[in-house]
Amino acid sequence: MRMNGNTLDIGDLAYDENARKVGVVMGHEGPYVQLRPPCGGREWDCPPDRARRVTAAERLSASVARTNARSRGDVL
C-alpha cells in the first residue's frame, strides 16, 4: 500500500503522524492502515496519508524500546 509517497508492507515500521508514534504495519482494514506498537499491544488505525516510513533515529528508538521491554518481560 502506498502512503505519503512510500510503499509500506506488512511488518514494516511506520510513523503515525497523527498519533506521533511508531508502529508495525499489521494490515489494512477499509481505508486505514493498522499499526501495533513494536513492543506489542493494541492495534490502532491510521489514515494512509498520515503514515510514513520511519527515520533511522525512529527505527533505533523503537529497537531500544523493544529490547528494554523484553528485558522487563513485557513482550510476548
PDB file of N, CA and C in Angstrom:
ATOM      1  N   MET A   1       0.849  -1.177   0.000  1.00  0.00           N
ATOM      2  CA  MET A   1       0.000   0.000   0.000  1.00  0.00           C
ATOM      3  C   MET A   1       0.892   1.237   0.000  1.00  0.00           C
ATOM      4  N   ARG A   2       0.534   2.223  -0.808  1.00  0.00           N
ATOM      5  CA  ARG A   2       1.307   3.466  -0.866  1.00  0.00           C
ATOM      6  C   ARG A   2       0.748   4.473   0.125  1.00  0.00           C
ATOM      7  N   MET A   3       1.644   5.046   0.930  1.00  0.00           N
ATOM      8  CA  MET A   3       1.267   6.049   1.917  1.00  0.00           C
ATOM      9  C   MET A   3       2.306   7.153   1.898  1.00  0.00           C
ATOM     10  N   ASN A   4       1.858   8.369   1.798  1.00  0.00           N
ATOM     11  CA  ASN A   4       2.772   9.508   1.812  1.00  0.00           C
ATOM     12  C   ASN A   4       3.920   9.324   0.820  1.00  0.00           C
ATOM     13  N   GLY A   5       3.621   8.723  -0.336  1.00  0.00           N
ATOM     14  CA  GLY A   5       4.644   8.530  -1.352  1.00  0.00           C
ATOM     15  C   GLY A   5       5.548   7.346  -1.110  1.00  0.00           C
ATOM     16  N   ASN A   6       5.301   6.572  -0.078  1.00  0.00           N
ATOM     17  CA  ASN A   6       6.116   5.404   0.244  1.00  0.00           C
ATOM     18  C   ASN A   6       5.262   4.152   0.196  1.00  0.00           C
ATOM     19  N   THR A   7       5.893   3.044  -0.114  1.00  0.00           N
ATOM     20  CA  THR A   7       5.203   1.769  -0.048  1.00  0.00           C
ATOM     21  C   THR A   7       5.505   1.138   1.300  1.00  0.00           C
ATOM     22  N   LEU A   8       4.462   0.821   2.049  1.00  0.00           N
ATOM     23  CA  LEU A   8       4.610   0.159   3.343  1.00  0.00           C
ATOM     24  C   LEU A   8       3.949  -1.199   3.259  1.00  0.00           C
ATOM     25  N   ASP A   9       4.698  -2.214   3.638  1.00  0.00           N
ATOM     26  CA  ASP A   9       4.196  -3.579   3.625  1.00  0.00           C
ATOM     27  C   ASP A   9       3.978  -4.074   5.049  1.00  0.00           C
ATOM     28  N   ILE A  10       3.232  -5.141   5.176  1.00  0.00           N
ATOM     29  CA  ILE A  10       3.018  -5.754   6.489  1.00  0.00           C
ATOM     30  C   ILE A  10       4.380  -6.105   7.080  1.00  0.00           C
ATOM     31  N   GLY A  11       4.569  -5.730   8.339  1.00  0.00           N
ATOM     32  CA  GLY A  11       5.823  -5.967   9.039  1.00  0.00           C
ATOM     33  C   GLY A  11       6.763  -4.776   9.052  1.00  0.00           C
ATOM     34  N   ASP A  12       6.519  -3.793   8.180  1.00  0.00           N
ATOM     35  CA  ASP A  12       7.349  -2.587   8.159  1.00  0.00           C
ATOM     36  C   ASP A  12       7.049  -1.706   9.365  1.00  0.00           C
ATOM     37  N   LEU A  13       8.039  -0.922   9.764  1.00  0.00           N
ATOM     38  CA  LEU A  13       7.819   0.096  10.784  1.00  0.00           C
ATOM     39  C   LEU A  13       7.333   1.360  10.093  1.00  0.00           C
ATOM     40  N   ALA A  14       6.320   1.972  10.667  1.00  0.00           N
ATOM     41  CA  ALA A  14       5.761   3.210  10.120  1.00  0.00           C
ATOM     42  C   ALA A  14       5.575   4.210  11.250  1.00  0.00           C
ATOM     43  N   TYR A  15       5.602   5.483  10.892  1.00  0.00           N
ATOM     44  CA  TYR A  15       5.356   6.549  11.859  1.00  0.00           C
ATOM     45  C   TYR A  15       3.982   7.127  11.585  1.00  0.00           C
ATOM     46  N   ASP A  16       3.139   7.136  12.604  1.00  0.00           N
ATOM     47  CA  ASP A  16       1.802   7.708  12.526  1.00  0.00           C
ATOM     48  C   ASP A  16       1.922   9.173  12.920  1.00  0.00           C
ATOM     49  N   GLU A  17       1.767  10.060  11.940  1.00  0.00           N
ATOM     50  CA  GLU A  17       1.929  11.482  12.201  1.00  0.00           C
ATOM     51  C   GLU A  17       0.814  12.053  13.080  1.00  0.00           C
ATOM     52  N   ASN A  18      -0.364  11.434  13.079  1.00  0.00           N
ATOM     53  CA  ASN A  18      -1.452  11.896  13.956  1.00  0.00           C
ATOM     54  C   ASN A  18      -1.181  11.513  15.407  1.00  0.00           C
ATOM     55  N   ALA A  19      -0.853  10.253  15.635  1.00  0.00           N
ATOM     56  CA  ALA A  19      -0.626   9.756  16.991  1.00  0.00           C
ATOM     57  C   ALA A  19       0.776  10.083  17.493  1.00  0.00           C
ATOM     58  N   ARG A  20       1.665  10.471  16.579  1.00  0.00           N
ATOM     59  CA  ARG A  20       3.061  10.767  16.912  1.00  0.00           C
ATOM     60  C   ARG A  20       3.761   9.582  17.567  1.00  0.00           C
ATOM     61  N   LYS A  21       3.574   8.401  16.937  1.00  0.00           N
ATOM     62  CA  LYS A  21       4.256   7.217  17.453  1.00  0.00           C
ATOM     63  C   LYS A  21       4.541   6.234  16.329  1.00  0.00           C
ATOM     64  N   VAL A  22       5.481   5.340  16.610  1.00  0.00           N
ATOM     65  CA  VAL A  22       5.916   4.317  15.668  1.00  0.00           C
ATOM     66  C   VAL A  22       5.085   3.063  15.875  1.00  0.00           C
ATOM     67  N   GLY A  23       4.756   2.401  14.777  1.00  0.00           N
ATOM     68  CA  GLY A  23       4.038   1.143  14.859  1.00  0.00           C
ATOM     69  C   GLY A  23       4.470   0.202  13.755  1.00  0.00           C
ATOM     70  N   VAL A  24       4.187  -1.062  13.960  1.00  0.00           N
ATOM     71  CA  VAL A  24       4.435  -2.089  12.958  1.00  0.00           C
ATOM     72  C   VAL A  24       3.170  -2.226  12.123  1.00  0.00           C
ATOM     73  N   VAL A  25       3.325  -2.221  10.805  1.00  0.00           N
ATOM     74  CA  VAL A  25       2.174  -2.388   9.924  1.00  0.00           C
ATOM     75  C   VAL A  25       1.674  -3.825  10.064  1.00  0.00           C
ATOM     76  N   MET A  26       0.421  -3.960  10.521  1.00  0.00           N
ATOM     77  CA  MET A  26      -0.178  -5.277  10.734  1.00  0.00           C
ATOM     78  C   MET A  26      -1.131  -5.662   9.608  1.00  0.00           C
ATOM     79  N   GLY A  27      -1.630  -4.667   8.900  1.00  0.00           N
ATOM     80  CA  GLY A  27      -2.554  -4.945   7.813  1.00  0.00           C
ATOM     81  C   GLY A  27      -3.255  -3.682   7.375  1.00  0.00           C
ATOM     82  N   HIS A  28      -4.267  -3.880   6.560  1.00  0.00           N
ATOM     83  CA  HIS A  28      -5.047  -2.782   6.025  1.00  0.00           C
ATOM     84  C   HIS A  28      -6.513  -3.152   6.173  1.00  0.00           C
ATOM     85  N   GLU A  29      -7.259  -2.287   6.803  1.00  0.00           N
ATOM     86  CA  GLU A  29      -8.684  -2.533   7.043  1.00  0.00           C
ATOM     87  C   GLU A  29      -9.461  -1.332   6.534  1.00  0.00           C
ATOM     88  N   GLY A  30     -10.266  -1.548   5.507  1.00  0.00           N
ATOM     89  CA  GLY A  30     -11.005  -0.437   4.923  1.00  0.00           C
ATOM     90  C   GLY A  30     -10.025   0.610   4.443  1.00  0.00           C
ATOM     91  N   PRO A  31     -10.271   1.864   4.766  1.00  0.00           N
ATOM     92  CA  PRO A  31      -9.382   2.930   4.296  1.00  0.00           C
ATOM     93  C   PRO A  31      -8.158   3.137   5.197  1.00  0.00           C
ATOM     94  N   TYR A  32      -7.993   2.327   6.222  1.00  0.00           N
ATOM     95  CA  TYR A  32      -6.943   2.561   7.219  1.00  0.00           C
ATOM     96  C   TYR A  32      -5.825   1.534   7.160  1.00  0.00           C
ATOM     97  N   VAL A  33      -4.681   1.949   7.687  1.00  0.00           N
ATOM     98  CA  VAL A  33      -3.553   1.062   7.942  1.00  0.00           C
ATOM     99  C   VAL A  33      -3.635   0.698   9.408  1.00  0.00           C
ATOM    100  N   GLN A  34      -3.471  -0.566   9.719  1.00  0.00           N
ATOM    101  CA  GLN A  34      -3.485  -0.990  11.117  1.00  0.00           C
ATOM    102  C   GLN A  34      -2.053  -1.103  11.608  1.00  0.00           C
ATOM    103  N   LEU A  35      -1.779  -0.382  12.696  1.00  0.00           N
ATOM    104  CA  LEU A  35      -0.452  -0.370  13.304  1.00  0.00           C
ATOM    105  C   LEU A  35      -0.532  -0.934  14.712  1.00  0.00           C
ATOM    106  N   ARG A  36       0.568  -1.521  15.152  1.00  0.00           N
ATOM    107  CA  ARG A  36       0.677  -2.047  16.516  1.00  0.00           C
ATOM    108  C   ARG A  36       2.002  -1.574  17.088  1.00  0.00           C
ATOM    109  N   PRO A  37       2.051  -1.243  18.369  1.00  0.00           N
ATOM    110  CA  PRO A  37       3.327  -0.835  18.965  1.00  0.00           C
ATOM    111  C   PRO A  37       4.395  -1.922  18.759  1.00  0.00           C
ATOM    112  N   PRO A  38       5.639  -1.536  18.496  1.00  0.00           N
ATOM    113  CA  PRO A  38       6.704  -2.522  18.291  1.00  0.00           C
ATOM    114  C   PRO A  38       6.889  -3.454  19.487  1.00  0.00           C
ATOM    115  N   CYS A  39       6.524  -3.000  20.679  1.00  0.00           N
ATOM    116  CA  CYS A  39       6.674  -3.818  21.886  1.00  0.00           C
ATOM    117  C   CYS A  39       5.432  -4.663  22.153  1.00  0.00           C
ATOM    118  N   GLY A  40       4.496  -4.674  21.230  1.00  0.00           N
ATOM    119  CA  GLY A  40       3.253  -5.406  21.432  1.00  0.00           C
ATOM    120  C   GLY A  40       2.196  -4.488  22.020  1.00  0.00           C
ATOM    121  N   GLY A  41       0.991  -4.916  21.938  1.00  0.00           N
ATOM    122  CA  GLY A  41      -0.096  -4.113  22.473  1.00  0.00           C
ATOM    123  C   GLY A  41      -1.235  -3.997  21.486  1.00  0.00           C
ATOM    124  N   ARG A  42      -2.103  -3.087  21.768  1.00  0.00           N
ATOM    125  CA  ARG A  42      -3.322  -2.917  20.994  1.00  0.00           C
ATOM    126  C   ARG A  42      -3.070  -2.190  19.673  1.00  0.00           C
ATOM    127  N   GLU A  43      -3.663  -2.719  18.598  1.00  0.00           N
ATOM    128  CA  GLU A  43      -3.561  -2.081  17.289  1.00  0.00           C
ATOM    129  C   GLU A  43      -4.393  -0.814  17.252  1.00  0.00           C
ATOM    130  N   TRP A  44      -4.008   0.080  16.351  1.00  0.00           N
ATOM    131  CA  TRP A  44      -4.808   1.275  16.098  1.00  0.00           C
ATOM    132  C   TRP A  44      -4.844   1.529  14.604  1.00  0.00           C
ATOM    133  N   ASP A  45      -5.832   2.289  14.180  1.00  0.00           N
ATOM    134  CA  ASP A  45      -5.999   2.626  12.772  1.00  0.00           C
ATOM    135  C   ASP A  45      -5.345   3.961  12.478  1.00  0.00           C
ATOM    136  N   CYS A  46      -4.695   4.028  11.325  1.00  0.00           N
ATOM    137  CA  CYS A  46      -4.023   5.241  10.890  1.00  0.00           C
ATOM    138  C   CYS A  46      -4.454   5.543   9.454  1.00  0.00           C
ATOM    139  N   PRO A  47      -4.869   6.773   9.180  1.00  0.00           N
ATOM    140  CA  PRO A  47      -5.168   7.123   7.789  1.00  0.00           C
ATOM    141  C   PRO A  47      -3.897   6.966   6.949  1.00  0.00           C
ATOM    142  N   PRO A  48      -3.991   6.391   5.773  1.00  0.00           N
ATOM    143  CA  PRO A  48      -2.793   6.148   4.951  1.00  0.00           C
ATOM    144  C   PRO A  48      -1.984   7.395   4.644  1.00  0.00           C
ATOM    145  N   ASP A  49      -2.641   8.545   4.524  1.00  0.00           N
ATOM    146  CA  ASP A  49      -1.905   9.760   4.203  1.00  0.00           C
ATOM    147  C   ASP A  49      -1.181  10.340   5.417  1.00  0.00           C
ATOM    148  N   ARG A  50      -1.352   9.750   6.580  1.00  0.00           N
ATOM    149  CA  ARG A  50      -0.676  10.201   7.799  1.00  0.00           C
ATOM    150  C   ARG A  50       0.394   9.205   8.257  1.00  0.00           C
ATOM    151  N   ALA A  51       0.640   8.156   7.467  1.00  0.00           N
ATOM    152  CA  ALA A  51       1.666   7.157   7.792  1.00  0.00           C
ATOM    153  C   ALA A  51       2.846   7.331   6.842  1.00  0.00           C
ATOM    154  N   ARG A  52       4.033   7.162   7.376  1.00  0.00           N
ATOM    155  CA  ARG A  52       5.245   7.248   6.559  1.00  0.00           C
ATOM    156  C   ARG A  52       6.290   6.289   7.121  1.00  0.00           C
ATOM    157  N   ARG A  53       7.304   6.025   6.306  1.00  0.00           N
ATOM    158  CA  ARG A  53       8.416   5.191   6.778  1.00  0.00           C
ATOM    159  C   ARG A  53       9.117   5.896   7.935  1.00  0.00           C
ATOM    160  N   VAL A  54       9.633   5.112   8.849  1.00  0.00           N
ATOM    161  CA  VAL A  54      10.364   5.682   9.981  1.00  0.00           C
ATOM    162  C   VAL A  54      11.741   6.165   9.532  1.00  0.00           C
ATOM    163  N   THR A  55      12.261   7.133  10.258  1.00  0.00           N
ATOM    164  CA  THR A  55      13.634   7.590  10.027  1.00  0.00           C
ATOM    165  C   THR A  55      14.580   6.626  10.742  1.00  0.00           C
ATOM    166  N   ALA A  56      15.862   6.771  10.486  1.00  0.00           N
ATOM    167  CA  ALA A  56      16.858   5.931  11.161  1.00  0.00           C
ATOM    168  C   ALA A  56      16.788   6.128  12.678  1.00  0.00           C
ATOM    169  N   ALA A  57      16.607   7.361  13.117  1.00  0.00           N
ATOM    170  CA  ALA A  57      16.529   7.643  14.561  1.00  0.00           C
ATOM    171  C   ALA A  57      15.282   6.998  15.176  1.00  0.00           C
ATOM    172  N   GLU A  58      14.161   7.066  14.471  1.00  0.00           N
ATOM    173  CA  GLU A  58      12.924   6.450  14.978  1.00  0.00           C
ATOM    174  C   GLU A  58      13.046   4.930  15.018  1.00  0.00           C
ATOM    175  N   ARG A  59      13.721   4.354  14.019  1.00  0.00           N
ATOM    176  CA  ARG A  59      13.930   2.898  13.995  1.00  0.00           C
ATOM    177  C   ARG A  59      14.788   2.480  15.188  1.00  0.00           C
ATOM    178  N   LEU A  60      15.866   3.231  15.458  1.00  0.00           N
ATOM    179  CA  LEU A  60      16.745   2.921  16.586  1.00  0.00           C
ATOM    180  C   LEU A  60      15.988   3.047  17.899  1.00  0.00           C
ATOM    181  N   SER A  61      15.211   4.096  18.052  1.00  0.00           N
ATOM    182  CA  SER A  61      14.437   4.302  19.277  1.00  0.00           C
ATOM    183  C   SER A  61      13.455   3.156  19.511  1.00  0.00           C
ATOM    184  N   ALA A  62      12.780   2.711  18.447  1.00  0.00           N
ATOM    185  CA  ALA A  62      11.832   1.598  18.563  1.00  0.00           C
ATOM    186  C   ALA A  62      12.555   0.305  18.936  1.00  0.00           C
ATOM    187  N   SER A  63      13.753   0.105  18.383  1.00  0.00           N
ATOM    188  CA  SER A  63      14.538  -1.091  18.689  1.00  0.00           C
ATOM    189  C   SER A  63      14.980  -1.105  20.153  1.00  0.00           C
ATOM    190  N   VAL A  64      15.419   0.031  20.646  1.00  0.00           N
ATOM    191  CA  VAL A  64      15.835   0.136  22.055  1.00  0.00           C
ATOM    192  C   VAL A  64      14.636  -0.099  22.972  1.00  0.00           C
ATOM    193  N   ALA A  65      13.492   0.471  22.631  1.00  0.00           N
ATOM    194  CA  ALA A  65      12.283   0.276  23.450  1.00  0.00           C
ATOM    195  C   ALA A  65      11.888  -1.189  23.490  1.00  0.00           C
ATOM    196  N   ARG A  66      11.981  -1.874  22.351  1.00  0.00           N
ATOM    197  CA  ARG A  66      11.631  -3.297  22.300  1.00  0.00           C
ATOM    198  C   ARG A  66      12.603  -4.124  23.147  1.00  0.00           C
ATOM    199  N   THR A  67      13.891  -3.823  23.039  1.00  0.00           N
ATOM    200  CA  THR A  67      14.896  -4.536  23.830  1.00  0.00           C
ATOM    201  C   THR A  67      14.662  -4.315  25.318  1.00  0.00           C
ATOM    202  N   ASN A  68      14.374  -3.102  25.716  1.00  0.00           N
ATOM    203  CA  ASN A  68      14.097  -2.816  27.123  1.00  0.00           C
ATOM    204  C   ASN A  68      12.854  -3.531  27.611  1.00  0.00           C
ATOM    205  N   ALA A  69      11.814  -3.563  26.779  1.00  0.00           N
ATOM    206  CA  ALA A  69      10.579  -4.259  27.150  1.00  0.00           C
ATOM    207  C   ALA A  69      10.835  -5.754  27.320  1.00  0.00           C
ATOM    208  N   ARG A  70      11.634  -6.320  26.423  1.00  0.00           N
ATOM    209  CA  ARG A  70      11.958  -7.756  26.543  1.00  0.00           C
ATOM    210  C   ARG A  70      12.717  -8.041  27.838  1.00  0.00           C
ATOM    211  N   SER A  71      13.640  -7.161  28.209  1.00  0.00           N
ATOM    212  CA  SER A  71      14.407  -7.376  29.423  1.00  0.00           C
ATOM    213  C   SER A  71      13.523  -7.319  30.666  1.00  0.00           C
ATOM    214  N   ARG A  72      12.418  -6.571  30.566  1.00  0.00           N
ATOM    215  CA  ARG A  72      11.472  -6.498  31.679  1.00  0.00           C
ATOM    216  C   ARG A  72      10.443  -7.624  31.623  1.00  0.00           C
ATOM    217  N   GLY A  73      10.426  -8.373  30.513  1.00  0.00           N
ATOM    218  CA  GLY A  73       9.443  -9.443  30.347  1.00  0.00           C
ATOM    219  C   GLY A  73       8.110  -8.942  29.848  1.00  0.00           C
ATOM    220  N   ASP A  74       8.067  -7.728  29.267  1.00  0.00           N
ATOM    221  CA  ASP A  74       6.815  -7.143  28.796  1.00  0.00           C
ATOM    222  C   ASP A  74       6.379  -7.652  27.430  1.00  0.00           C
ATOM    223  N   VAL A  75       7.284  -8.219  26.641  1.00  0.00           N
ATOM    224  CA  VAL A  75       6.979  -8.636  25.274  1.00  0.00           C
ATOM    225  C   VAL A  75       6.674 -10.111  25.247  1.00  0.00           C
ATOM    226  N   LEU A  76       5.635 -10.442  24.522  1.00  0.00           N
ATOM    227  CA  LEU A  76       5.249 -11.853  24.388  1.00  0.00           C
ATOM    228  C   LEU A  76       6.203 -12.594  23.523  1.00  0.00           C
TER     229      LEU A  76
END
